[in-house]
Amino acid sequence: MALLLYVKVNPKADEASYSTRLAQTFLEEYRTAHPSDEIVTLDLYREDIPFLDVDVFSAWGKFAEQSDLTPQEQDKVRRMNELTDQFIAADKVVFSAPFWNLSFPPMMKAYIDTICVAGKTFKYTETGPIGLVEDKPVLLIEARGGHYSDGPAAQMEFSFTYLKTIMNFMGVQNFQHLLIEELAVDPDKAEDIFQQGAVEAKSLAKRF
């Protein structure tokens, strides 16, 4: 039995989000193909995801000084450790996210900042940083209004490239991408584009 962590990154209602709908299609087929696996959902817009703020930096400084943390600092550090441990423990991870303003929604960055931790998911060495996360399948399911996968606009894409780099940095090399694009170019064709992506999602779910 494997544990799949599904990280949902969209505040919209499920039916109003192409990325969420595509992820639901993937997960439904995944449950059929892998009935013994457990799926845990982490909704970044509904759960407590700490930001790197003054409390977190203060807590890190106090760790070095071996001084006491405030209750608020303790809560944030505890939650960050929980999220990092959850990511490390998962056998597989699936992210579903839209493409907003050339990148991800802000809660994705907050989550990445939470799990990208020196000493836990990577470490510094004399020859450079080394990832500490055991390699595993990680999938990004993404929906975009325009076309950024190649051509002139490719240099403005900071979602897939960013997440792939972060995963590689932490040790994950098995990084996959399920993408649908041009959903806003011609709205009349958006549902057809989605349905084509759904076929690919079902196929990928069987072998993921």
N, C-alpha and C. Protein backbone atom coordinates (compact mmCIF):
# COMPACT_ATOMS: atom_id res chain seq x y z
N MET A 1 0.85 -1.20 0.00
CA MET A 1 0.00 0.00 0.00
C MET A 1 0.88 1.25 0.00
N ALA A 2 0.55 2.20 -0.84
CA ALA A 2 1.29 3.44 -0.92
C ALA A 2 0.44 4.60 -0.41
N LEU A 3 1.11 5.64 0.09
CA LEU A 3 0.43 6.85 0.55
C LEU A 3 0.65 7.95 -0.48
N LEU A 4 -0.44 8.45 -1.05
CA LEU A 4 -0.39 9.54 -2.02
C LEU A 4 -0.86 10.81 -1.33
N LEU A 5 -0.02 11.83 -1.34
CA LEU A 5 -0.38 13.14 -0.81
C LEU A 5 -0.84 14.03 -1.95
N TYR A 6 -2.10 14.47 -1.88
CA TYR A 6 -2.66 15.36 -2.89
C TYR A 6 -2.67 16.78 -2.34
N VAL A 7 -1.89 17.66 -2.96
CA VAL A 7 -1.80 19.05 -2.52
C VAL A 7 -2.61 19.91 -3.48
N LYS A 8 -3.71 20.41 -2.98
CA LYS A 8 -4.63 21.23 -3.78
C LYS A 8 -4.30 22.71 -3.58
N VAL A 9 -4.12 23.45 -4.69
CA VAL A 9 -3.67 24.84 -4.60
C VAL A 9 -4.64 25.72 -5.38
N ASN A 10 -5.86 25.85 -4.90
CA ASN A 10 -6.82 26.71 -5.58
C ASN A 10 -7.97 27.05 -4.63
N PRO A 11 -8.28 28.34 -4.42
CA PRO A 11 -9.37 28.72 -3.52
C PRO A 11 -10.75 28.65 -4.16
N LYS A 12 -10.81 28.46 -5.48
CA LYS A 12 -12.09 28.45 -6.17
C LYS A 12 -12.89 27.17 -5.85
N ALA A 13 -14.19 27.24 -6.10
CA ALA A 13 -15.01 26.03 -6.02
C ALA A 13 -14.48 25.00 -7.01
N ASP A 14 -14.56 23.74 -6.67
CA ASP A 14 -13.97 22.69 -7.50
C ASP A 14 -14.46 22.76 -8.95
N GLU A 15 -15.75 22.97 -9.12
CA GLU A 15 -16.31 22.96 -10.48
C GLU A 15 -15.89 24.18 -11.29
N ALA A 16 -15.34 25.20 -10.63
CA ALA A 16 -14.92 26.42 -11.33
C ALA A 16 -13.43 26.43 -11.66
N SER A 17 -12.74 25.35 -11.33
CA SER A 17 -11.29 25.30 -11.53
C SER A 17 -10.93 24.15 -12.46
N TYR A 18 -10.31 24.46 -13.57
CA TYR A 18 -9.89 23.40 -14.50
C TYR A 18 -8.81 22.52 -13.89
N SER A 19 -7.89 23.11 -13.14
CA SER A 19 -6.82 22.31 -12.54
C SER A 19 -7.38 21.34 -11.50
N THR A 20 -8.35 21.80 -10.70
CA THR A 20 -8.95 20.93 -9.70
C THR A 20 -9.77 19.84 -10.36
N ARG A 21 -10.54 20.19 -11.37
CA ARG A 21 -11.33 19.18 -12.08
C ARG A 21 -10.44 18.12 -12.71
N LEU A 22 -9.32 18.56 -13.28
CA LEU A 22 -8.40 17.61 -13.90
C LEU A 22 -7.78 16.70 -12.84
N ALA A 23 -7.47 17.26 -11.69
CA ALA A 23 -6.94 16.45 -10.59
C ALA A 23 -7.97 15.46 -10.10
N GLN A 24 -9.23 15.87 -10.01
CA GLN A 24 -10.28 14.95 -9.58
C GLN A 24 -10.42 13.79 -10.56
N THR A 25 -10.32 14.07 -11.84
CA THR A 25 -10.38 13.02 -12.85
C THR A 25 -9.22 12.05 -12.66
N PHE A 26 -8.04 12.59 -12.43
CA PHE A 26 -6.85 11.76 -12.19
C PHE A 26 -7.05 10.89 -10.95
N LEU A 27 -7.50 11.48 -9.86
CA LEU A 27 -7.62 10.76 -8.59
C LEU A 27 -8.71 9.68 -8.65
N GLU A 28 -9.79 9.96 -9.34
CA GLU A 28 -10.84 8.94 -9.49
C GLU A 28 -10.30 7.71 -10.20
N GLU A 29 -9.55 7.93 -11.26
CA GLU A 29 -8.96 6.80 -11.99
C GLU A 29 -7.86 6.14 -11.16
N TYR A 30 -7.14 6.95 -10.40
CA TYR A 30 -6.07 6.40 -9.55
C TYR A 30 -6.66 5.45 -8.50
N ARG A 31 -7.77 5.85 -7.88
CA ARG A 31 -8.42 4.99 -6.87
C ARG A 31 -8.84 3.66 -7.47
N THR A 32 -9.31 3.69 -8.71
CA THR A 32 -9.72 2.46 -9.38
C THR A 32 -8.52 1.57 -9.68
N ALA A 33 -7.43 2.19 -10.14
CA ALA A 33 -6.24 1.44 -10.53
C ALA A 33 -5.41 1.00 -9.33
N HIS A 34 -5.50 1.73 -8.21
CA HIS A 34 -4.69 1.43 -7.02
C HIS A 34 -5.60 1.40 -5.78
N PRO A 35 -6.51 0.45 -5.70
CA PRO A 35 -7.53 0.46 -4.64
C PRO A 35 -6.98 0.34 -3.22
N SER A 36 -5.79 -0.20 -3.06
CA SER A 36 -5.24 -0.38 -1.71
C SER A 36 -4.46 0.84 -1.23
N ASP A 37 -4.22 1.82 -2.10
CA ASP A 37 -3.46 3.00 -1.71
C ASP A 37 -4.32 3.98 -0.92
N GLU A 38 -3.67 4.74 -0.06
CA GLU A 38 -4.35 5.78 0.72
C GLU A 38 -4.06 7.14 0.11
N ILE A 39 -5.11 7.97 -0.02
CA ILE A 39 -4.96 9.33 -0.54
C ILE A 39 -5.28 10.33 0.56
N VAL A 40 -4.33 11.21 0.85
CA VAL A 40 -4.52 12.26 1.86
C VAL A 40 -4.51 13.60 1.14
N THR A 41 -5.53 14.42 1.39
CA THR A 41 -5.64 15.72 0.73
C THR A 41 -5.16 16.83 1.65
N LEU A 42 -4.31 17.70 1.11
CA LEU A 42 -3.86 18.90 1.81
C LEU A 42 -4.32 20.10 0.98
N ASP A 43 -5.35 20.79 1.45
CA ASP A 43 -5.90 21.94 0.75
C ASP A 43 -5.22 23.19 1.31
N LEU A 44 -4.34 23.80 0.53
CA LEU A 44 -3.53 24.90 1.03
C LEU A 44 -4.34 26.14 1.37
N TYR A 45 -5.56 26.25 0.84
CA TYR A 45 -6.39 27.41 1.15
C TYR A 45 -7.37 27.16 2.28
N ARG A 46 -7.35 25.96 2.84
CA ARG A 46 -8.27 25.63 3.93
C ARG A 46 -7.53 25.20 5.21
N GLU A 47 -6.25 24.93 5.08
CA GLU A 47 -5.49 24.46 6.24
C GLU A 47 -4.41 25.47 6.61
N ASP A 48 -3.86 25.28 7.78
CA ASP A 48 -2.87 26.21 8.32
C ASP A 48 -1.52 26.00 7.65
N ILE A 49 -1.12 26.95 6.83
CA ILE A 49 0.18 26.91 6.15
C ILE A 49 0.95 28.15 6.60
N PRO A 50 1.94 27.99 7.47
CA PRO A 50 2.67 29.17 7.97
C PRO A 50 3.46 29.87 6.86
N PHE A 51 3.56 31.17 6.98
CA PHE A 51 4.44 31.95 6.12
C PHE A 51 5.77 32.16 6.84
N LEU A 52 6.82 32.41 6.07
CA LEU A 52 8.09 32.81 6.67
C LEU A 52 7.94 34.25 7.15
N ASP A 53 7.65 34.41 8.43
CA ASP A 53 7.41 35.74 8.98
C ASP A 53 8.35 35.99 10.16
N VAL A 54 8.09 37.06 10.88
CA VAL A 54 8.97 37.44 11.98
C VAL A 54 9.01 36.38 13.06
N ASP A 55 7.90 35.69 13.31
CA ASP A 55 7.88 34.65 14.34
C ASP A 55 8.78 33.47 13.96
N VAL A 56 8.70 33.07 12.69
CA VAL A 56 9.50 31.92 12.24
C VAL A 56 10.99 32.24 12.30
N PHE A 57 11.37 33.42 11.81
CA PHE A 57 12.79 33.78 11.84
C PHE A 57 13.28 33.98 13.27
N SER A 58 12.41 34.50 14.11
CA SER A 58 12.77 34.65 15.53
C SER A 58 12.99 33.29 16.17
N ALA A 59 12.11 32.35 15.85
CA ALA A 59 12.24 31.00 16.41
C ALA A 59 13.53 30.34 15.97
N TRP A 60 13.88 30.49 14.70
CA TRP A 60 15.12 29.90 14.20
C TRP A 60 16.33 30.51 14.91
N GLY A 61 16.27 31.81 15.16
CA GLY A 61 17.37 32.45 15.88
C GLY A 61 17.47 31.95 17.31
N LYS A 62 16.32 31.70 17.93
CA LYS A 62 16.31 31.22 19.31
C LYS A 62 16.81 29.77 19.40
N PHE A 63 16.57 28.98 18.34
CA PHE A 63 17.13 27.62 18.33
C PHE A 63 18.65 27.69 18.43
N ALA A 64 19.25 28.59 17.67
CA ALA A 64 20.71 28.72 17.69
C ALA A 64 21.21 29.19 19.05
N GLU A 65 20.41 30.03 19.70
CA GLU A 65 20.80 30.56 21.01
C GLU A 65 20.37 29.66 22.16
N GLN A 66 19.55 28.62 21.81
CA GLN A 66 19.00 27.71 22.81
C GLN A 66 18.17 28.45 23.86
N SER A 67 17.37 29.41 23.38
CA SER A 67 16.48 30.15 24.27
C SER A 67 15.04 29.75 24.01
N ASP A 68 14.15 30.11 24.93
CA ASP A 68 12.76 29.67 24.86
C ASP A 68 11.97 30.39 23.77
N LEU A 69 11.05 29.65 23.15
CA LEU A 69 10.18 30.21 22.12
C LEU A 69 8.88 30.68 22.75
N THR A 70 8.26 31.69 22.13
CA THR A 70 6.93 32.10 22.56
C THR A 70 5.92 31.05 22.11
N PRO A 71 4.73 31.01 22.70
CA PRO A 71 3.72 30.04 22.26
C PRO A 71 3.40 30.17 20.76
N GLN A 72 3.35 31.39 20.25
CA GLN A 72 3.06 31.59 18.83
C GLN A 72 4.19 31.04 17.96
N GLU A 73 5.42 31.26 18.38
CA GLU A 73 6.57 30.71 17.65
C GLU A 73 6.55 29.19 17.68
N GLN A 74 6.25 28.63 18.82
CA GLN A 74 6.17 27.17 18.95
C GLN A 74 5.12 26.58 18.02
N ASP A 75 3.95 27.23 17.94
CA ASP A 75 2.87 26.72 17.09
C ASP A 75 3.27 26.72 15.62
N LYS A 76 3.91 27.79 15.18
CA LYS A 76 4.29 27.89 13.77
C LYS A 76 5.39 26.88 13.41
N VAL A 77 6.37 26.74 14.28
CA VAL A 77 7.44 25.78 14.02
C VAL A 77 6.91 24.36 14.04
N ARG A 78 6.02 24.07 14.99
CA ARG A 78 5.41 22.73 15.06
C ARG A 78 4.66 22.41 13.78
N ARG A 79 3.88 23.38 13.29
CA ARG A 79 3.10 23.15 12.07
C ARG A 79 4.02 22.98 10.87
N MET A 80 5.08 23.74 10.78
CA MET A 80 6.02 23.59 9.67
C MET A 80 6.66 22.20 9.70
N ASN A 81 7.01 21.73 10.89
CA ASN A 81 7.58 20.38 11.01
C ASN A 81 6.58 19.32 10.59
N GLU A 82 5.31 19.51 10.95
CA GLU A 82 4.27 18.55 10.56
C GLU A 82 4.15 18.45 9.04
N LEU A 83 4.12 19.59 8.39
CA LEU A 83 3.97 19.61 6.93
C LEU A 83 5.20 19.01 6.24
N THR A 84 6.37 19.33 6.75
CA THR A 84 7.59 18.77 6.16
C THR A 84 7.62 17.26 6.33
N ASP A 85 7.31 16.77 7.53
CA ASP A 85 7.30 15.33 7.78
C ASP A 85 6.25 14.62 6.91
N GLN A 86 5.12 15.27 6.72
CA GLN A 86 4.07 14.69 5.87
C GLN A 86 4.56 14.54 4.44
N PHE A 87 5.23 15.58 3.92
CA PHE A 87 5.76 15.52 2.56
C PHE A 87 6.82 14.43 2.43
N ILE A 88 7.71 14.34 3.39
CA ILE A 88 8.77 13.34 3.36
C ILE A 88 8.18 11.93 3.41
N ALA A 89 7.16 11.73 4.24
CA ALA A 89 6.60 10.39 4.45
C ALA A 89 5.77 9.89 3.27
N ALA A 90 5.25 10.80 2.44
CA ALA A 90 4.41 10.38 1.31
C ALA A 90 5.21 9.58 0.30
N ASP A 91 4.60 8.53 -0.22
CA ASP A 91 5.24 7.72 -1.26
C ASP A 91 5.12 8.38 -2.64
N LYS A 92 4.05 9.14 -2.81
CA LYS A 92 3.80 9.85 -4.06
C LYS A 92 3.14 11.18 -3.71
N VAL A 93 3.38 12.20 -4.54
CA VAL A 93 2.78 13.51 -4.30
C VAL A 93 2.19 14.04 -5.60
N VAL A 94 0.98 14.57 -5.50
CA VAL A 94 0.31 15.20 -6.65
C VAL A 94 -0.07 16.62 -6.27
N PHE A 95 0.39 17.59 -7.04
CA PHE A 95 -0.01 18.98 -6.89
C PHE A 95 -1.01 19.32 -7.99
N SER A 96 -2.06 20.05 -7.64
CA SER A 96 -2.93 20.62 -8.69
C SER A 96 -2.97 22.12 -8.47
N ALA A 97 -2.66 22.87 -9.53
CA ALA A 97 -2.54 24.32 -9.38
C ALA A 97 -2.83 25.03 -10.69
N PRO A 98 -3.39 26.23 -10.62
CA PRO A 98 -3.55 27.07 -11.81
C PRO A 98 -2.28 27.87 -12.06
N PHE A 99 -2.25 28.52 -13.20
CA PHE A 99 -1.14 29.38 -13.60
C PHE A 99 -1.62 30.81 -13.49
N TRP A 100 -1.20 31.49 -12.42
CA TRP A 100 -1.65 32.87 -12.18
C TRP A 100 -0.48 33.84 -12.31
N ASN A 101 -0.64 34.84 -13.14
CA ASN A 101 0.38 35.88 -13.25
C ASN A 101 1.78 35.29 -13.44
N LEU A 102 1.84 34.32 -14.35
CA LEU A 102 3.09 33.68 -14.79
C LEU A 102 3.67 32.70 -13.79
N SER A 103 2.94 32.43 -12.70
CA SER A 103 3.46 31.49 -11.71
C SER A 103 2.30 30.84 -10.95
N PHE A 104 2.55 30.45 -9.70
CA PHE A 104 1.57 29.77 -8.87
C PHE A 104 0.81 30.75 -7.97
N PRO A 105 -0.32 30.32 -7.41
CA PRO A 105 -0.96 31.09 -6.34
C PRO A 105 0.01 31.23 -5.15
N PRO A 106 -0.15 32.26 -4.34
CA PRO A 106 0.80 32.52 -3.25
C PRO A 106 0.92 31.40 -2.23
N MET A 107 -0.13 30.64 -2.00
CA MET A 107 -0.06 29.59 -0.99
C MET A 107 0.89 28.47 -1.41
N MET A 108 1.12 28.31 -2.70
CA MET A 108 2.10 27.31 -3.14
C MET A 108 3.50 27.70 -2.69
N LYS A 109 3.85 28.98 -2.85
CA LYS A 109 5.17 29.44 -2.39
C LYS A 109 5.30 29.27 -0.88
N ALA A 110 4.23 29.58 -0.15
CA ALA A 110 4.26 29.41 1.30
C ALA A 110 4.52 27.96 1.67
N TYR A 111 3.88 27.05 0.95
CA TYR A 111 4.06 25.62 1.24
C TYR A 111 5.48 25.18 0.91
N ILE A 112 6.00 25.60 -0.22
CA ILE A 112 7.37 25.24 -0.61
C ILE A 112 8.35 25.77 0.43
N ASP A 113 8.15 27.00 0.91
CA ASP A 113 9.02 27.55 1.94
C ASP A 113 8.95 26.73 3.22
N THR A 114 7.81 26.12 3.47
CA THR A 114 7.62 25.31 4.67
C THR A 114 8.37 23.99 4.60
N ILE A 115 8.35 23.35 3.41
CA ILE A 115 8.95 22.01 3.31
C ILE A 115 10.40 22.01 2.83
N CYS A 116 10.88 23.15 2.37
CA CYS A 116 12.28 23.24 1.90
C CYS A 116 13.13 23.68 3.09
N VAL A 117 13.60 22.71 3.85
CA VAL A 117 14.23 22.97 5.14
C VAL A 117 15.64 22.37 5.20
N ALA A 118 16.62 23.22 5.43
CA ALA A 118 18.00 22.74 5.57
C ALA A 118 18.09 21.76 6.74
N GLY A 119 18.71 20.63 6.49
CA GLY A 119 18.85 19.61 7.51
C GLY A 119 17.77 18.56 7.48
N LYS A 120 16.65 18.85 6.79
CA LYS A 120 15.56 17.87 6.70
C LYS A 120 15.30 17.43 5.26
N THR A 121 15.19 18.39 4.36
CA THR A 121 14.94 18.03 2.96
C THR A 121 16.13 18.34 2.04
N PHE A 122 17.10 19.06 2.56
CA PHE A 122 18.37 19.26 1.84
C PHE A 122 19.43 19.65 2.85
N LYS A 123 20.68 19.58 2.45
CA LYS A 123 21.78 20.03 3.31
C LYS A 123 22.86 20.69 2.48
N TYR A 124 23.62 21.55 3.11
CA TYR A 124 24.74 22.21 2.46
C TYR A 124 26.02 21.39 2.68
N THR A 125 26.83 21.28 1.62
CA THR A 125 28.10 20.61 1.71
C THR A 125 29.17 21.49 1.07
N GLU A 126 30.42 21.06 1.17
CA GLU A 126 31.51 21.83 0.59
C GLU A 126 31.41 21.91 -0.93
N THR A 127 30.72 20.94 -1.51
CA THR A 127 30.58 20.91 -2.97
C THR A 127 29.21 21.42 -3.44
N GLY A 128 28.43 21.94 -2.52
CA GLY A 128 27.12 22.46 -2.89
C GLY A 128 25.99 21.75 -2.15
N PRO A 129 24.75 22.22 -2.31
CA PRO A 129 23.62 21.61 -1.62
C PRO A 129 23.29 20.23 -2.16
N ILE A 130 22.81 19.36 -1.27
CA ILE A 130 22.42 17.99 -1.63
C ILE A 130 21.01 17.73 -1.11
N GLY A 131 20.16 17.16 -1.94
CA GLY A 131 18.81 16.82 -1.51
C GLY A 131 18.80 15.62 -0.58
N LEU A 132 17.91 15.66 0.41
CA LEU A 132 17.78 14.59 1.39
C LEU A 132 16.49 13.80 1.25
N VAL A 133 15.60 14.21 0.35
CA VAL A 133 14.33 13.52 0.16
C VAL A 133 14.54 12.33 -0.77
N GLU A 134 14.08 11.18 -0.34
CA GLU A 134 14.20 9.99 -1.19
C GLU A 134 13.37 10.18 -2.46
N ASP A 135 13.93 9.81 -3.60
CA ASP A 135 13.24 10.01 -4.87
C ASP A 135 11.89 9.28 -4.88
N LYS A 136 10.88 9.93 -5.44
CA LYS A 136 9.54 9.36 -5.52
C LYS A 136 8.77 10.07 -6.62
N PRO A 137 7.68 9.51 -7.09
CA PRO A 137 6.89 10.18 -8.13
C PRO A 137 6.21 11.44 -7.60
N VAL A 138 6.44 12.54 -8.26
CA VAL A 138 5.76 13.80 -7.95
C VAL A 138 5.18 14.34 -9.25
N LEU A 139 3.90 14.69 -9.20
CA LEU A 139 3.18 15.13 -10.39
C LEU A 139 2.60 16.51 -10.17
N LEU A 140 2.78 17.39 -11.15
CA LEU A 140 2.10 18.69 -11.16
C LEU A 140 1.00 18.65 -12.21
N ILE A 141 -0.24 18.85 -11.78
CA ILE A 141 -1.39 18.97 -12.67
C ILE A 141 -1.71 20.47 -12.76
N GLU A 142 -1.59 21.02 -13.96
CA GLU A 142 -1.63 22.47 -14.10
C GLU A 142 -2.52 22.90 -15.26
N ALA A 143 -3.25 24.00 -15.06
CA ALA A 143 -4.08 24.58 -16.10
C ALA A 143 -3.66 26.02 -16.34
N ARG A 144 -3.54 26.39 -17.62
CA ARG A 144 -3.10 27.74 -17.99
C ARG A 144 -4.07 28.36 -18.99
N GLY A 145 -4.26 29.66 -18.88
CA GLY A 145 -5.13 30.35 -19.81
C GLY A 145 -4.49 30.57 -21.16
N GLY A 146 -3.17 30.78 -21.18
CA GLY A 146 -2.45 31.02 -22.42
C GLY A 146 -1.51 29.88 -22.76
N HIS A 147 -0.61 30.14 -23.68
CA HIS A 147 0.34 29.12 -24.13
C HIS A 147 1.75 29.53 -23.71
N TYR A 148 2.34 28.75 -22.79
CA TYR A 148 3.64 29.08 -22.25
C TYR A 148 4.62 27.91 -22.26
N SER A 149 4.22 26.78 -22.76
CA SER A 149 5.08 25.60 -22.71
C SER A 149 6.23 25.68 -23.70
N ASP A 150 6.04 26.44 -24.79
CA ASP A 150 7.11 26.65 -25.76
C ASP A 150 6.81 27.94 -26.52
N GLY A 151 7.67 28.28 -27.44
CA GLY A 151 7.46 29.51 -28.20
C GLY A 151 7.92 30.75 -27.46
N PRO A 152 7.55 31.93 -27.95
CA PRO A 152 8.05 33.19 -27.39
C PRO A 152 7.72 33.39 -25.91
N ALA A 153 6.58 32.85 -25.44
CA ALA A 153 6.17 33.09 -24.05
C ALA A 153 6.80 32.11 -23.06
N ALA A 154 7.55 31.14 -23.56
CA ALA A 154 8.12 30.12 -22.67
C ALA A 154 9.03 30.73 -21.60
N GLN A 155 9.70 31.82 -21.95
CA GLN A 155 10.61 32.45 -20.99
C GLN A 155 9.87 33.14 -19.85
N MET A 156 8.54 33.25 -19.97
CA MET A 156 7.74 33.87 -18.90
C MET A 156 7.07 32.84 -18.00
N GLU A 157 7.43 31.59 -18.16
CA GLU A 157 6.82 30.51 -17.37
C GLU A 157 7.64 30.27 -16.11
N PHE A 158 7.02 30.48 -14.93
CA PHE A 158 7.72 30.32 -13.66
C PHE A 158 6.93 29.40 -12.71
N SER A 159 6.26 28.42 -13.26
CA SER A 159 5.51 27.49 -12.42
C SER A 159 6.15 26.10 -12.48
N PHE A 160 5.94 25.40 -13.59
CA PHE A 160 6.53 24.07 -13.77
C PHE A 160 8.05 24.11 -13.57
N THR A 161 8.71 25.07 -14.20
CA THR A 161 10.17 25.16 -14.10
C THR A 161 10.61 25.33 -12.65
N TYR A 162 9.90 26.19 -11.92
CA TYR A 162 10.23 26.45 -10.52
C TYR A 162 10.03 25.19 -9.67
N LEU A 163 8.87 24.55 -9.79
CA LEU A 163 8.58 23.41 -8.94
C LEU A 163 9.50 22.24 -9.26
N LYS A 164 9.79 22.03 -10.53
CA LYS A 164 10.72 20.96 -10.91
C LYS A 164 12.10 21.22 -10.31
N THR A 165 12.55 22.46 -10.36
CA THR A 165 13.86 22.80 -9.81
C THR A 165 13.89 22.57 -8.30
N ILE A 166 12.83 22.97 -7.61
CA ILE A 166 12.75 22.78 -6.15
C ILE A 166 12.75 21.29 -5.80
N MET A 167 11.97 20.50 -6.54
CA MET A 167 11.92 19.06 -6.26
C MET A 167 13.28 18.42 -6.50
N ASN A 168 13.93 18.77 -7.61
CA ASN A 168 15.28 18.25 -7.88
C ASN A 168 16.25 18.67 -6.78
N PHE A 169 16.13 19.90 -6.33
CA PHE A 169 16.99 20.44 -5.27
C PHE A 169 16.86 19.62 -3.99
N MET A 170 15.65 19.13 -3.69
CA MET A 170 15.42 18.35 -2.48
C MET A 170 15.66 16.86 -2.68
N GLY A 171 15.96 16.44 -3.91
CA GLY A 171 16.29 15.04 -4.16
C GLY A 171 15.32 14.29 -5.04
N VAL A 172 14.19 14.90 -5.40
CA VAL A 172 13.18 14.23 -6.21
C VAL A 172 13.51 14.44 -7.69
N GLN A 173 13.81 13.37 -8.38
CA GLN A 173 14.11 13.43 -9.82
C GLN A 173 12.92 12.97 -10.67
N ASN A 174 12.06 12.14 -10.09
CA ASN A 174 10.91 11.60 -10.82
C ASN A 174 9.76 12.62 -10.79
N PHE A 175 9.94 13.70 -11.52
CA PHE A 175 8.97 14.79 -11.54
C PHE A 175 8.23 14.78 -12.87
N GLN A 176 6.90 14.75 -12.80
CA GLN A 176 6.07 14.65 -14.00
C GLN A 176 5.11 15.84 -14.09
N HIS A 177 4.58 16.05 -15.29
CA HIS A 177 3.76 17.24 -15.55
C HIS A 177 2.56 16.87 -16.42
N LEU A 178 1.37 17.20 -15.96
CA LEU A 178 0.15 17.05 -16.75
C LEU A 178 -0.41 18.45 -16.96
N LEU A 179 -0.36 18.92 -18.19
CA LEU A 179 -0.65 20.33 -18.49
C LEU A 179 -1.75 20.48 -19.53
N ILE A 180 -2.67 21.42 -19.26
CA ILE A 180 -3.59 21.88 -20.29
C ILE A 180 -3.42 23.39 -20.41
N GLU A 181 -3.40 23.88 -21.67
CA GLU A 181 -3.12 25.29 -21.93
C GLU A 181 -4.17 25.89 -22.88
N GLU A 182 -4.08 27.21 -23.01
CA GLU A 182 -4.91 27.99 -23.94
C GLU A 182 -6.39 27.96 -23.59
N LEU A 183 -6.69 27.79 -22.32
CA LEU A 183 -8.09 27.72 -21.89
C LEU A 183 -8.81 29.06 -22.03
N ALA A 184 -8.06 30.16 -22.03
CA ALA A 184 -8.66 31.48 -22.15
C ALA A 184 -8.48 32.08 -23.54
N VAL A 185 -7.75 31.40 -24.41
CA VAL A 185 -7.52 31.93 -25.76
C VAL A 185 -8.81 31.93 -26.55
N ASP A 186 -9.51 30.82 -26.52
CA ASP A 186 -10.83 30.70 -27.15
C ASP A 186 -11.72 29.95 -26.18
N PRO A 187 -12.49 30.67 -25.35
CA PRO A 187 -13.31 30.03 -24.33
C PRO A 187 -14.24 28.94 -24.87
N ASP A 188 -14.65 29.05 -26.12
CA ASP A 188 -15.54 28.04 -26.69
C ASP A 188 -14.84 26.69 -26.83
N LYS A 189 -13.53 26.70 -26.86
CA LYS A 189 -12.76 25.46 -27.01
C LYS A 189 -12.23 24.93 -25.68
N ALA A 190 -12.45 25.67 -24.59
CA ALA A 190 -11.86 25.32 -23.30
C ALA A 190 -12.28 23.94 -22.81
N GLU A 191 -13.56 23.62 -22.96
CA GLU A 191 -14.03 22.33 -22.47
C GLU A 191 -13.46 21.19 -23.30
N ASP A 192 -13.29 21.40 -24.59
CA ASP A 192 -12.66 20.36 -25.43
C ASP A 192 -11.21 20.14 -25.01
N ILE A 193 -10.51 21.23 -24.69
CA ILE A 193 -9.13 21.11 -24.22
C ILE A 193 -9.09 20.34 -22.90
N PHE A 194 -10.04 20.66 -22.03
CA PHE A 194 -10.10 19.94 -20.76
C PHE A 194 -10.34 18.44 -20.98
N GLN A 195 -11.26 18.10 -21.84
CA GLN A 195 -11.58 16.70 -22.08
C GLN A 195 -10.39 15.94 -22.66
N GLN A 196 -9.60 16.59 -23.50
CA GLN A 196 -8.38 15.96 -24.00
C GLN A 196 -7.40 15.71 -22.85
N GLY A 197 -7.31 16.68 -21.94
CA GLY A 197 -6.45 16.50 -20.77
C GLY A 197 -6.95 15.41 -19.86
N ALA A 198 -8.28 15.26 -19.77
CA ALA A 198 -8.86 14.22 -18.91
C ALA A 198 -8.50 12.83 -19.41
N VAL A 199 -8.44 12.66 -20.72
CA VAL A 199 -8.03 11.36 -21.28
C VAL A 199 -6.59 11.06 -20.87
N GLU A 200 -5.74 12.06 -20.96
CA GLU A 200 -4.35 11.88 -20.56
C GLU A 200 -4.24 11.62 -19.06
N ALA A 201 -5.07 12.31 -18.27
CA ALA A 201 -5.06 12.13 -16.81
C ALA A 201 -5.39 10.70 -16.43
N LYS A 202 -6.40 10.12 -17.07
CA LYS A 202 -6.79 8.75 -16.76
C LYS A 202 -5.70 7.77 -17.13
N SER A 203 -5.06 8.00 -18.24
CA SER A 203 -3.97 7.12 -18.66
C SER A 203 -2.80 7.19 -17.69
N LEU A 204 -2.45 8.41 -17.28
CA LEU A 204 -1.33 8.61 -16.38
C LEU A 204 -1.62 8.01 -15.00
N ALA A 205 -2.87 8.13 -14.53
CA ALA A 205 -3.24 7.63 -13.22
C ALA A 205 -3.02 6.12 -13.09
N LYS A 206 -3.20 5.40 -14.16
CA LYS A 206 -3.06 3.95 -14.12
C LYS A 206 -1.62 3.51 -13.87
N ARG A 207 -0.65 4.32 -14.32
CA ARG A 207 0.75 3.92 -14.21
C ARG A 207 1.53 4.77 -13.21
N PHE A 208 0.87 5.70 -12.54
CA PHE A 208 1.56 6.60 -11.61
C PHE A 208 1.86 5.87 -10.30
